[in-house]
N, C-alpha and C. Protein backbone atom coordinates (compact mmCIF):
# COMPACT_ATOMS: atom_id res chain seq x y z
N MET A 1 127.90 76.76 72.35
CA MET A 1 127.27 77.87 73.43
C MET A 1 127.47 79.22 72.98
N GLY A 2 126.61 79.88 73.61
CA GLY A 2 126.97 81.64 72.65
C GLY A 2 125.87 82.53 73.53
N LYS A 3 125.77 83.70 73.17
CA LYS A 3 124.91 84.54 73.57
C LYS A 3 123.73 85.50 72.49
N THR A 4 122.49 85.31 72.51
CA THR A 4 122.00 85.68 71.74
C THR A 4 121.43 87.31 72.26
N GLN A 5 121.28 88.18 71.17
CA GLN A 5 120.65 89.12 71.51
C GLN A 5 119.22 89.62 70.38
N ILE A 6 118.49 90.17 70.80
CA ILE A 6 117.00 90.68 70.14
C ILE A 6 117.83 92.23 69.60
N ILE A 7 117.78 92.06 67.55
CA ILE A 7 117.97 93.26 67.45
C ILE A 7 116.56 93.83 67.26
N GLU A 8 116.66 95.34 67.74
CA GLU A 8 115.21 96.25 67.77
C GLU A 8 114.82 96.53 66.44
N PRO A 9 113.88 96.33 65.98
CA PRO A 9 113.37 97.03 64.58
C PRO A 9 113.48 97.85 64.26
N PHE A 10 114.43 98.03 62.84
CA PHE A 10 114.34 99.36 62.44
C PHE A 10 115.57 100.13 63.19
N SER A 11 116.11 99.74 63.97
CA SER A 11 117.36 100.04 64.25
C SER A 11 118.55 100.06 63.56
N GLU A 12 119.74 100.63 63.56
CA GLU A 12 120.65 100.86 62.71
C GLU A 12 120.98 99.33 62.11
N GLU A 13 121.25 98.49 63.28
CA GLU A 13 121.59 97.23 62.60
C GLU A 13 120.79 96.32 62.14
N TYR A 14 119.57 96.17 62.32
CA TYR A 14 118.25 95.65 61.81
C TYR A 14 118.12 96.41 60.58
N ASN A 15 118.43 97.89 59.72
CA ASN A 15 118.41 97.84 58.65
C ASN A 15 119.32 97.26 58.00
N LYS A 16 120.45 97.45 58.41
CA LYS A 16 122.16 96.88 57.58
C LYS A 16 121.52 95.22 57.35
N VAL A 17 120.83 94.63 58.10
CA VAL A 17 120.52 93.08 58.06
C VAL A 17 119.51 93.19 56.70
N LEU A 18 118.49 93.83 56.92
CA LEU A 18 117.57 94.28 55.77
C LEU A 18 118.17 94.08 54.45
N GLU A 19 118.98 95.23 54.54
CA GLU A 19 119.72 95.59 53.29
C GLU A 19 120.86 94.37 52.79
N TYR A 20 121.35 93.99 53.61
CA TYR A 20 122.50 92.63 52.86
C TYR A 20 121.34 91.22 52.49
N LYS A 21 120.43 91.40 52.90
CA LYS A 21 119.54 90.24 52.68
C LYS A 21 118.41 90.32 51.47
N LYS A 22 118.47 91.58 51.17
CA LYS A 22 117.74 92.36 49.80
C LYS A 22 116.19 92.20 50.25
N ILE A 23 116.00 92.62 51.64
CA ILE A 23 114.44 92.70 52.11
C ILE A 23 114.20 94.29 52.19
N PRO A 24 113.38 94.58 51.18
CA PRO A 24 113.04 95.69 51.13
C PRO A 24 112.32 96.05 52.80
N ARG A 25 112.32 97.55 53.06
CA ARG A 25 111.79 97.51 54.77
C ARG A 25 110.31 97.87 54.14
N THR A 26 110.40 98.60 53.32
CA THR A 26 108.80 98.60 52.93
C THR A 26 107.69 97.48 53.41
N ALA A 27 108.37 96.41 53.29
CA ALA A 27 107.68 95.13 53.19
C ALA A 27 107.72 94.59 54.54
N ILE A 28 108.86 95.01 55.19
CA ILE A 28 108.53 95.16 56.73
C ILE A 28 107.72 95.70 57.66
N GLU A 29 107.88 97.28 56.92
CA GLU A 29 106.64 97.91 57.31
C GLU A 29 105.16 97.72 57.45
N LYS A 30 104.75 96.97 56.20
CA LYS A 30 103.40 96.88 55.95
C LYS A 30 102.89 95.32 56.91
N MET A 31 104.02 94.84 57.13
CA MET A 31 103.76 93.51 57.70
C MET A 31 103.22 93.93 59.35
N PRO A 32 102.19 93.06 59.93
CA PRO A 32 101.63 93.10 61.10
C PRO A 32 102.53 93.87 62.26
N HIS A 33 103.26 92.68 62.58
CA HIS A 33 104.21 92.57 63.51
C HIS A 33 105.56 92.51 62.83
N PRO A 34 106.73 93.27 63.37
CA PRO A 34 107.93 93.40 62.27
C PRO A 34 108.57 92.25 62.26
N MET A 35 109.33 91.66 61.59
CA MET A 35 110.38 90.36 61.51
C MET A 35 111.09 90.89 62.65
N ASN A 36 111.21 89.33 63.86
CA ASN A 36 111.85 88.94 65.13
C ASN A 36 113.74 89.32 64.44
N LEU A 37 114.26 89.62 64.74
CA LEU A 37 115.97 89.55 64.31
C LEU A 37 116.74 89.15 65.89
N ILE A 38 117.03 87.72 65.66
CA ILE A 38 118.14 87.67 67.10
C ILE A 38 119.61 87.21 66.59
N LYS A 39 120.62 88.21 67.17
CA LYS A 39 121.65 87.36 66.66
C LYS A 39 122.30 86.58 67.85
N VAL A 40 123.33 85.73 67.01
CA VAL A 40 123.86 85.08 68.13
C VAL A 40 125.49 85.09 67.71
N ILE A 41 125.82 85.11 69.31
CA ILE A 41 127.31 85.42 69.17
C ILE A 41 127.89 84.39 69.85
N PRO A 42 128.79 83.37 68.88
CA PRO A 42 128.95 82.14 69.69
C PRO A 42 130.16 82.53 70.43
N THR A 43 130.18 81.31 71.85
CA THR A 43 131.32 81.65 72.91
C THR A 43 131.80 80.32 72.74
N GLU A 44 131.78 79.43 72.11
CA GLU A 44 132.61 77.82 71.86
C GLU A 44 131.98 77.48 70.60
N ILE A 45 133.12 76.67 70.16
CA ILE A 45 132.66 75.99 68.77
C ILE A 45 133.21 74.55 69.10
N ASP A 46 132.65 73.78 68.79
CA ASP A 46 133.10 72.08 68.59
C ASP A 46 133.29 71.95 67.38
N PHE A 47 134.39 71.54 66.58
CA PHE A 47 134.72 70.95 65.38
C PHE A 47 135.29 69.52 65.26
N LEU A 48 134.17 68.59 64.87
CA LEU A 48 134.46 67.41 64.62
C LEU A 48 134.88 66.86 63.32
N ASN A 49 135.92 66.01 63.15
CA ASN A 49 136.59 65.99 61.85
C ASN A 49 137.54 64.48 61.69
N SER A 50 136.84 63.32 61.26
CA SER A 50 137.49 62.01 61.54
C SER A 50 138.67 62.18 60.87
N LYS A 51 139.19 62.95 59.87
CA LYS A 51 140.76 63.12 59.36
C LYS A 51 141.65 63.56 60.40
N PHE A 52 140.99 64.63 61.45
CA PHE A 52 142.10 64.80 62.19
C PHE A 52 142.83 63.08 62.96
N LYS A 53 142.15 62.20 62.88
CA LYS A 53 142.78 61.18 63.84
C LYS A 53 143.97 60.85 62.71
N GLU A 54 143.31 60.98 61.49
CA GLU A 54 144.59 60.45 60.80
C GLU A 54 145.94 61.02 60.72
N GLU A 55 145.99 62.46 61.01
CA GLU A 55 147.17 63.46 61.64
C GLU A 55 147.55 63.43 62.81
N GLY A 56 146.92 62.34 63.86
CA GLY A 56 147.60 62.21 64.86
C GLY A 56 146.70 63.20 66.11
N CYS A 57 145.75 63.45 65.84
CA CYS A 57 144.97 64.59 66.49
C CYS A 57 143.78 63.92 67.36
N ASP A 58 142.90 64.90 68.26
CA ASP A 58 141.73 64.60 68.25
C ASP A 58 140.92 64.55 67.16
N SER A 59 140.17 63.77 67.26
CA SER A 59 139.00 64.18 66.30
C SER A 59 137.78 65.33 66.36
N ARG A 60 137.83 65.49 67.76
CA ARG A 60 137.23 66.46 68.09
C ARG A 60 138.01 67.77 68.73
N GLN A 61 137.68 69.03 68.14
CA GLN A 61 138.54 70.01 68.61
C GLN A 61 137.30 70.91 68.69
N HIS A 62 137.73 71.64 69.99
CA HIS A 62 137.24 72.41 70.81
C HIS A 62 138.08 74.31 70.79
N LEU A 63 136.88 75.22 70.63
CA LEU A 63 137.55 76.54 70.59
C LEU A 63 136.64 77.40 71.67
N ASN A 64 137.42 77.75 72.28
CA ASN A 64 136.82 79.04 73.54
C ASN A 64 136.96 80.57 72.53
N LEU A 65 135.95 80.98 72.44
CA LEU A 65 135.97 82.53 71.92
C LEU A 65 135.28 83.24 72.93
N PRO A 66 136.56 84.33 73.19
CA PRO A 66 135.47 85.66 74.25
C PRO A 66 134.75 86.55 73.99
N LEU A 67 133.88 86.79 74.49
CA LEU A 67 132.76 87.93 73.82
C LEU A 67 133.99 89.37 74.13
N GLU A 68 133.20 90.31 72.83
CA GLU A 68 133.99 91.68 73.36
C GLU A 68 133.94 91.95 74.26
N ASP A 69 132.84 91.84 75.18
CA ASP A 69 132.73 92.56 76.85
C ASP A 69 133.97 91.90 77.53
N GLU A 70 134.46 90.99 77.36
CA GLU A 70 135.48 90.19 78.14
C GLU A 70 136.72 90.22 77.78
N LYS A 71 136.63 90.66 77.08
CA LYS A 71 138.70 91.46 76.45
C LYS A 71 139.23 92.35 77.40
């Protein structure tokens, strides 16, 4: 489970991702429609590992992550 956000094209956060991924902003500006950027913020994580059973734990571990605005 998680929360998603559409990042506004050419916003500060959008530009930081372009820079991180080494995508030239000029290439995006030439496109008929800017590339969509969707941010996924996980709220729950399930981790499956059969080795946990050997250590006496359940092979499925669950973690709830609070969102920043829920703290």
